[in-house]
N, C-alpha and C. Protein backbone atom coordinates (compact mmCIF):
# COMPACT_ATOMS: atom_id res chain seq x y z
N UNK A 1 -14.59 -15.95 1.99
CA UNK A 1 -15.00 -15.66 3.35
C UNK A 1 -15.76 -14.34 3.37
N UNK A 2 -16.92 -14.34 3.94
CA UNK A 2 -17.75 -13.14 4.03
C UNK A 2 -17.24 -12.23 5.15
N UNK A 3 -17.31 -10.95 4.90
CA UNK A 3 -16.94 -9.95 5.90
C UNK A 3 -18.16 -9.08 6.11
N UNK A 4 -18.55 -8.95 7.35
CA UNK A 4 -19.74 -8.15 7.66
C UNK A 4 -19.32 -6.82 8.27
N UNK A 5 -19.89 -5.75 7.74
CA UNK A 5 -19.64 -4.42 8.27
C UNK A 5 -20.47 -4.22 9.52
N UNK A 6 -19.81 -3.77 10.58
CA UNK A 6 -20.51 -3.47 11.83
C UNK A 6 -20.69 -1.96 11.92
N UNK A 7 -21.88 -1.51 12.29
CA UNK A 7 -22.13 -0.08 12.46
C UNK A 7 -21.11 0.50 13.44
N UNK A 8 -20.55 1.66 13.12
CA UNK A 8 -19.52 2.22 14.00
C UNK A 8 -20.07 2.65 15.35
N UNK A 9 -19.22 2.49 16.33
CA UNK A 9 -19.51 3.01 17.67
C UNK A 9 -18.34 3.89 18.06
N UNK A 10 -18.56 4.79 18.99
CA UNK A 10 -17.49 5.67 19.44
C UNK A 10 -16.56 4.86 20.33
N UNK A 11 -15.28 4.78 19.94
CA UNK A 11 -14.35 3.95 20.72
C UNK A 11 -13.94 4.64 22.01
N UNK A 12 -13.51 3.84 22.94
CA UNK A 12 -12.93 4.35 24.18
C UNK A 12 -11.70 3.51 24.44
N UNK A 13 -10.49 4.07 24.39
CA UNK A 13 -10.20 5.47 24.18
C UNK A 13 -10.44 5.88 22.72
N UNK A 14 -10.49 7.20 22.51
CA UNK A 14 -10.67 7.74 21.16
C UNK A 14 -9.43 7.47 20.32
N UNK A 15 -9.64 7.16 19.07
CA UNK A 15 -8.51 7.06 18.11
C UNK A 15 -8.47 8.40 17.40
N UNK A 16 -7.35 9.09 17.49
CA UNK A 16 -7.22 10.45 16.97
C UNK A 16 -6.01 10.54 16.06
N UNK A 17 -6.19 11.19 14.93
CA UNK A 17 -5.05 11.54 14.09
C UNK A 17 -4.90 13.05 14.15
N UNK A 18 -3.72 13.48 14.50
CA UNK A 18 -3.38 14.90 14.53
C UNK A 18 -2.67 15.20 13.22
N UNK A 19 -3.23 16.11 12.44
CA UNK A 19 -2.64 16.52 11.17
C UNK A 19 -1.89 17.82 11.43
N UNK A 20 -0.64 17.87 11.07
CA UNK A 20 0.16 19.05 11.36
C UNK A 20 0.91 19.58 10.16
N UNK A 21 1.17 20.86 10.19
CA UNK A 21 1.94 21.50 9.12
C UNK A 21 2.62 22.74 9.67
N UNK A 22 3.76 23.07 9.10
CA UNK A 22 4.40 24.32 9.44
C UNK A 22 3.70 25.46 8.72
N UNK A 23 3.91 26.65 9.21
CA UNK A 23 3.33 27.84 8.60
C UNK A 23 4.46 28.80 8.24
N UNK A 24 4.08 29.97 7.72
CA UNK A 24 5.07 31.00 7.38
C UNK A 24 5.94 31.36 8.58
N UNK A 25 5.35 31.32 9.78
CA UNK A 25 6.13 31.64 10.97
C UNK A 25 7.34 30.73 11.13
N UNK A 26 7.15 29.43 10.87
CA UNK A 26 8.27 28.49 10.94
C UNK A 26 9.28 28.79 9.84
N UNK A 27 8.77 28.99 8.64
CA UNK A 27 9.67 29.23 7.51
C UNK A 27 10.47 30.52 7.68
N UNK A 28 9.89 31.52 8.36
CA UNK A 28 10.57 32.79 8.57
C UNK A 28 11.41 32.84 9.84
N UNK A 29 11.28 31.84 10.70
CA UNK A 29 12.04 31.82 11.95
C UNK A 29 13.52 31.54 11.65
N UNK A 30 14.35 32.10 12.46
CA UNK A 30 15.79 31.86 12.29
C UNK A 30 16.12 30.44 12.73
N UNK A 31 17.25 29.95 12.26
CA UNK A 31 17.71 28.63 12.69
C UNK A 31 17.89 28.57 14.20
N UNK A 32 18.38 29.66 14.76
CA UNK A 32 18.57 29.71 16.21
C UNK A 32 17.23 29.62 16.94
N UNK A 33 16.22 30.38 16.49
CA UNK A 33 14.90 30.30 17.12
C UNK A 33 14.32 28.90 17.01
N UNK A 34 14.50 28.27 15.86
CA UNK A 34 14.00 26.90 15.71
C UNK A 34 14.65 25.96 16.70
N UNK A 35 16.00 26.02 16.79
CA UNK A 35 16.75 25.12 17.67
C UNK A 35 16.54 25.43 19.14
N UNK A 36 16.54 26.72 19.49
CA UNK A 36 16.56 27.12 20.89
C UNK A 36 15.18 27.35 21.51
N UNK A 37 14.18 27.65 20.70
CA UNK A 37 12.86 27.98 21.24
C UNK A 37 11.76 27.05 20.74
N UNK A 38 11.59 26.98 19.42
CA UNK A 38 10.41 26.33 18.86
C UNK A 38 10.45 24.82 19.05
N UNK A 39 11.53 24.18 18.61
CA UNK A 39 11.60 22.72 18.73
C UNK A 39 11.60 22.24 20.18
N UNK A 40 12.33 22.91 21.11
CA UNK A 40 12.22 22.49 22.50
C UNK A 40 10.79 22.63 23.05
N UNK A 41 10.09 23.70 22.63
CA UNK A 41 8.70 23.88 23.09
C UNK A 41 7.81 22.79 22.51
N UNK A 42 8.01 22.42 21.24
CA UNK A 42 7.22 21.34 20.65
C UNK A 42 7.45 20.03 21.40
N UNK A 43 8.70 19.73 21.69
CA UNK A 43 9.02 18.50 22.41
C UNK A 43 8.36 18.48 23.78
N UNK A 44 8.41 19.62 24.47
CA UNK A 44 7.76 19.73 25.79
C UNK A 44 6.25 19.56 25.66
N UNK A 45 5.66 20.13 24.60
CA UNK A 45 4.22 20.00 24.40
C UNK A 45 3.83 18.54 24.21
N UNK A 46 4.60 17.80 23.43
CA UNK A 46 4.27 16.39 23.23
C UNK A 46 4.36 15.62 24.55
N UNK A 47 5.33 15.97 25.39
CA UNK A 47 5.42 15.35 26.72
C UNK A 47 4.18 15.70 27.55
N UNK A 48 3.69 16.94 27.44
CA UNK A 48 2.47 17.34 28.15
C UNK A 48 1.29 16.51 27.68
N UNK A 49 1.20 16.26 26.38
CA UNK A 49 0.10 15.44 25.86
C UNK A 49 0.12 14.06 26.49
N UNK A 50 1.30 13.47 26.64
CA UNK A 50 1.39 12.15 27.25
C UNK A 50 0.99 12.21 28.73
N UNK A 51 1.39 13.28 29.40
CA UNK A 51 1.02 13.45 30.81
C UNK A 51 -0.50 13.60 30.97
N UNK A 52 -1.19 14.10 29.94
CA UNK A 52 -2.64 14.25 29.99
C UNK A 52 -3.35 12.90 29.84
N UNK A 53 -2.60 11.86 29.51
CA UNK A 53 -3.20 10.55 29.38
C UNK A 53 -3.31 10.03 27.96
N UNK A 54 -2.82 10.80 26.99
CA UNK A 54 -2.85 10.31 25.61
C UNK A 54 -1.68 9.35 25.41
N UNK A 55 -1.81 8.51 24.40
CA UNK A 55 -0.78 7.52 24.10
C UNK A 55 -0.47 7.58 22.60
N UNK A 56 0.78 7.86 22.26
CA UNK A 56 1.18 7.90 20.85
C UNK A 56 1.23 6.48 20.31
N UNK A 57 0.56 6.26 19.17
CA UNK A 57 0.55 4.94 18.54
C UNK A 57 1.46 4.88 17.32
N UNK A 58 1.49 5.96 16.55
CA UNK A 58 2.31 5.99 15.33
C UNK A 58 2.48 7.42 14.88
N UNK A 59 3.54 7.67 14.11
CA UNK A 59 3.77 8.99 13.53
C UNK A 59 4.28 8.82 12.11
N UNK A 60 3.97 9.79 11.26
CA UNK A 60 4.51 9.84 9.91
C UNK A 60 4.83 11.30 9.60
N UNK A 61 6.04 11.53 9.14
CA UNK A 61 6.43 12.85 8.65
C UNK A 61 6.78 12.66 7.18
N UNK A 62 5.97 13.24 6.30
CA UNK A 62 6.17 12.97 4.87
C UNK A 62 7.05 14.01 4.19
N UNK A 63 8.02 14.55 4.92
CA UNK A 63 8.90 15.56 4.35
C UNK A 63 10.04 14.99 3.50
N UNK A 64 10.06 13.70 3.27
CA UNK A 64 11.12 13.11 2.47
C UNK A 64 11.11 13.60 1.02
N UNK A 65 9.92 13.90 0.51
CA UNK A 65 9.80 14.24 -0.90
C UNK A 65 9.14 15.60 -1.13
N UNK A 66 9.24 16.50 -0.15
CA UNK A 66 8.73 17.86 -0.32
C UNK A 66 9.55 18.81 0.52
N UNK A 67 9.46 20.09 0.18
CA UNK A 67 10.15 21.12 0.94
C UNK A 67 9.29 22.38 0.88
N UNK A 68 9.40 23.25 1.88
CA UNK A 68 8.62 24.48 1.90
C UNK A 68 7.28 24.30 2.58
N UNK A 69 6.48 25.35 2.56
CA UNK A 69 5.17 25.31 3.19
C UNK A 69 4.25 24.38 2.40
N UNK A 70 3.54 23.47 3.08
CA UNK A 70 2.68 22.54 2.36
C UNK A 70 1.53 23.24 1.64
N UNK A 71 1.19 22.72 0.50
CA UNK A 71 0.02 23.23 -0.22
C UNK A 71 -0.97 22.09 -0.43
N UNK A 72 -0.62 21.11 -1.22
CA UNK A 72 -1.47 19.94 -1.39
C UNK A 72 -0.60 18.71 -1.25
N UNK A 73 -0.79 17.87 -0.29
CA UNK A 73 -1.79 17.97 0.77
C UNK A 73 -1.46 19.10 1.74
N UNK A 74 -2.43 19.45 2.54
CA UNK A 74 -2.27 20.60 3.43
C UNK A 74 -1.43 20.30 4.67
N UNK A 75 -1.11 19.05 4.90
CA UNK A 75 -0.39 18.67 6.11
C UNK A 75 0.86 17.89 5.73
N UNK A 76 1.85 17.90 6.60
CA UNK A 76 3.09 17.18 6.33
C UNK A 76 3.46 16.18 7.40
N UNK A 77 2.81 16.25 8.56
CA UNK A 77 3.06 15.23 9.56
C UNK A 77 1.75 14.81 10.21
N UNK A 78 1.75 13.55 10.62
CA UNK A 78 0.54 12.88 11.08
C UNK A 78 0.90 12.10 12.33
N UNK A 79 0.16 12.34 13.41
CA UNK A 79 0.41 11.70 14.69
C UNK A 79 -0.84 10.95 15.10
N UNK A 80 -0.73 9.69 15.37
CA UNK A 80 -1.90 8.90 15.75
C UNK A 80 -1.81 8.60 17.24
N UNK A 81 -2.85 8.99 17.95
CA UNK A 81 -2.91 8.83 19.40
C UNK A 81 -4.17 8.09 19.82
N UNK A 82 -4.09 7.45 20.97
CA UNK A 82 -5.28 7.07 21.71
C UNK A 82 -5.43 8.13 22.80
N UNK A 83 -6.62 8.70 22.89
CA UNK A 83 -6.88 9.80 23.81
C UNK A 83 -8.08 9.40 24.68
N UNK A 84 -7.99 9.61 26.00
CA UNK A 84 -9.06 9.14 26.88
C UNK A 84 -10.44 9.72 26.58
N UNK A 85 -10.50 11.01 26.21
CA UNK A 85 -11.82 11.62 26.01
C UNK A 85 -11.67 12.94 25.25
N UNK A 86 -12.81 13.53 24.90
CA UNK A 86 -12.79 14.77 24.13
C UNK A 86 -12.18 15.92 24.91
N UNK A 87 -12.37 15.95 26.20
CA UNK A 87 -11.80 17.02 27.04
C UNK A 87 -10.27 17.00 26.95
N UNK A 88 -9.71 15.80 27.00
CA UNK A 88 -8.25 15.67 26.88
C UNK A 88 -7.79 16.15 25.51
N UNK A 89 -8.50 15.76 24.47
CA UNK A 89 -8.14 16.18 23.12
C UNK A 89 -8.20 17.71 22.98
N UNK A 90 -9.24 18.32 23.52
CA UNK A 90 -9.33 19.79 23.49
C UNK A 90 -8.16 20.41 24.25
N UNK A 91 -7.75 19.81 25.35
CA UNK A 91 -6.60 20.30 26.10
C UNK A 91 -5.30 20.17 25.32
N UNK A 92 -5.18 19.10 24.56
CA UNK A 92 -3.99 18.92 23.73
C UNK A 92 -3.89 20.04 22.69
N UNK A 93 -5.00 20.34 22.05
CA UNK A 93 -5.00 21.41 21.05
C UNK A 93 -4.74 22.76 21.71
N UNK A 94 -5.29 22.96 22.90
CA UNK A 94 -5.09 24.21 23.62
C UNK A 94 -3.61 24.46 23.93
N UNK A 95 -2.85 23.39 24.13
CA UNK A 95 -1.41 23.54 24.38
C UNK A 95 -0.71 24.31 23.26
N UNK A 96 -1.21 24.19 22.05
CA UNK A 96 -0.61 24.87 20.91
C UNK A 96 -0.88 26.37 20.97
N UNK A 97 -2.02 26.75 21.55
CA UNK A 97 -2.42 28.16 21.62
C UNK A 97 -1.79 28.92 22.78
N UNK A 98 -1.36 28.21 23.81
CA UNK A 98 -0.87 28.86 25.02
C UNK A 98 0.60 29.22 24.89
N UNK A 99 0.94 30.39 25.38
CA UNK A 99 2.34 30.79 25.40
C UNK A 99 3.02 30.15 26.60
N UNK A 100 4.11 29.45 26.33
CA UNK A 100 4.94 28.87 27.39
C UNK A 100 6.38 29.07 27.00
N UNK A 101 7.18 29.43 27.97
CA UNK A 101 8.61 29.68 27.72
C UNK A 101 8.80 30.68 26.59
N UNK A 102 7.88 31.64 26.48
CA UNK A 102 7.97 32.68 25.47
C UNK A 102 7.59 32.25 24.06
N UNK A 103 6.97 31.06 23.93
CA UNK A 103 6.64 30.53 22.60
C UNK A 103 5.16 30.16 22.53
N UNK A 104 4.47 30.67 21.51
CA UNK A 104 3.13 30.20 21.13
C UNK A 104 3.30 29.41 19.85
N UNK A 105 3.08 28.11 19.94
CA UNK A 105 3.35 27.26 18.78
C UNK A 105 2.41 27.51 17.61
N UNK A 106 1.23 28.11 17.87
CA UNK A 106 0.32 28.37 16.75
C UNK A 106 0.87 29.45 15.81
N UNK A 107 1.97 30.07 16.17
CA UNK A 107 2.63 31.01 15.26
C UNK A 107 3.50 30.27 14.23
N UNK A 108 3.79 29.02 14.52
CA UNK A 108 4.73 28.26 13.69
C UNK A 108 4.11 27.03 13.03
N UNK A 109 2.95 26.62 13.49
CA UNK A 109 2.33 25.41 12.97
C UNK A 109 0.82 25.53 13.06
N UNK A 110 0.19 24.66 12.34
CA UNK A 110 -1.25 24.50 12.51
C UNK A 110 -1.53 23.03 12.69
N UNK A 111 -2.54 22.75 13.47
CA UNK A 111 -2.93 21.38 13.77
C UNK A 111 -4.42 21.22 13.53
N UNK A 112 -4.79 20.03 13.18
CA UNK A 112 -6.19 19.65 13.08
C UNK A 112 -6.30 18.25 13.64
N UNK A 113 -7.31 18.01 14.45
CA UNK A 113 -7.53 16.68 15.01
C UNK A 113 -8.76 16.04 14.38
N UNK A 114 -8.63 14.79 14.04
CA UNK A 114 -9.76 14.03 13.52
C UNK A 114 -9.92 12.79 14.37
N UNK A 115 -11.15 12.57 14.80
CA UNK A 115 -11.45 11.44 15.67
C UNK A 115 -12.11 10.35 14.83
N UNK A 116 -11.67 9.16 15.01
CA UNK A 116 -12.25 8.03 14.29
C UNK A 116 -12.19 6.78 15.15
N UNK A 117 -11.98 5.70 14.48
CA UNK A 117 -11.89 4.41 15.16
C UNK A 117 -10.91 3.55 14.38
N UNK A 118 -10.43 2.46 14.99
CA UNK A 118 -9.57 1.57 14.23
C UNK A 118 -10.30 1.05 13.00
N UNK A 119 -9.58 0.88 11.91
CA UNK A 119 -10.18 0.40 10.66
C UNK A 119 -10.51 -1.08 10.82
N UNK A 120 -11.78 -1.42 10.66
CA UNK A 120 -12.28 -2.74 11.02
C UNK A 120 -11.67 -3.88 10.22
N UNK A 121 -11.17 -3.63 9.02
CA UNK A 121 -10.60 -4.72 8.24
C UNK A 121 -9.14 -5.01 8.61
N UNK A 122 -8.51 -4.10 9.35
CA UNK A 122 -7.13 -4.32 9.76
C UNK A 122 -6.95 -4.52 11.25
N UNK A 123 -7.87 -4.00 12.04
CA UNK A 123 -7.77 -4.13 13.51
C UNK A 123 -9.10 -4.58 14.08
N UNK A 124 -9.02 -5.44 15.05
CA UNK A 124 -10.26 -5.87 15.74
C UNK A 124 -10.72 -4.81 16.70
């Protein structure tokens, strides 16, 4: 059976993979700070992303076979979202930079967003 490649178009909604990793700030934070400040703020941030109109499709945390700050690969968790538009995606990333409840998450993690489309051989 022949398979024909179709030239890519920008999907709507956007298919986005968020690449995440902890930083020295996370590794140096106390267990109490992690439990009481950082993780609750992360959970709240993810809820904010959903309120902005993004939809979580899948997540992978590859910490089963590694420990410590990531080196290669540079990321340890991957979040796949459908996002309505670039403005929403920029707002999602901005949430990491803003201080809320006394926490700026960019002190503890780094994120990178990559926009693509569903893989044509697995999804229509």
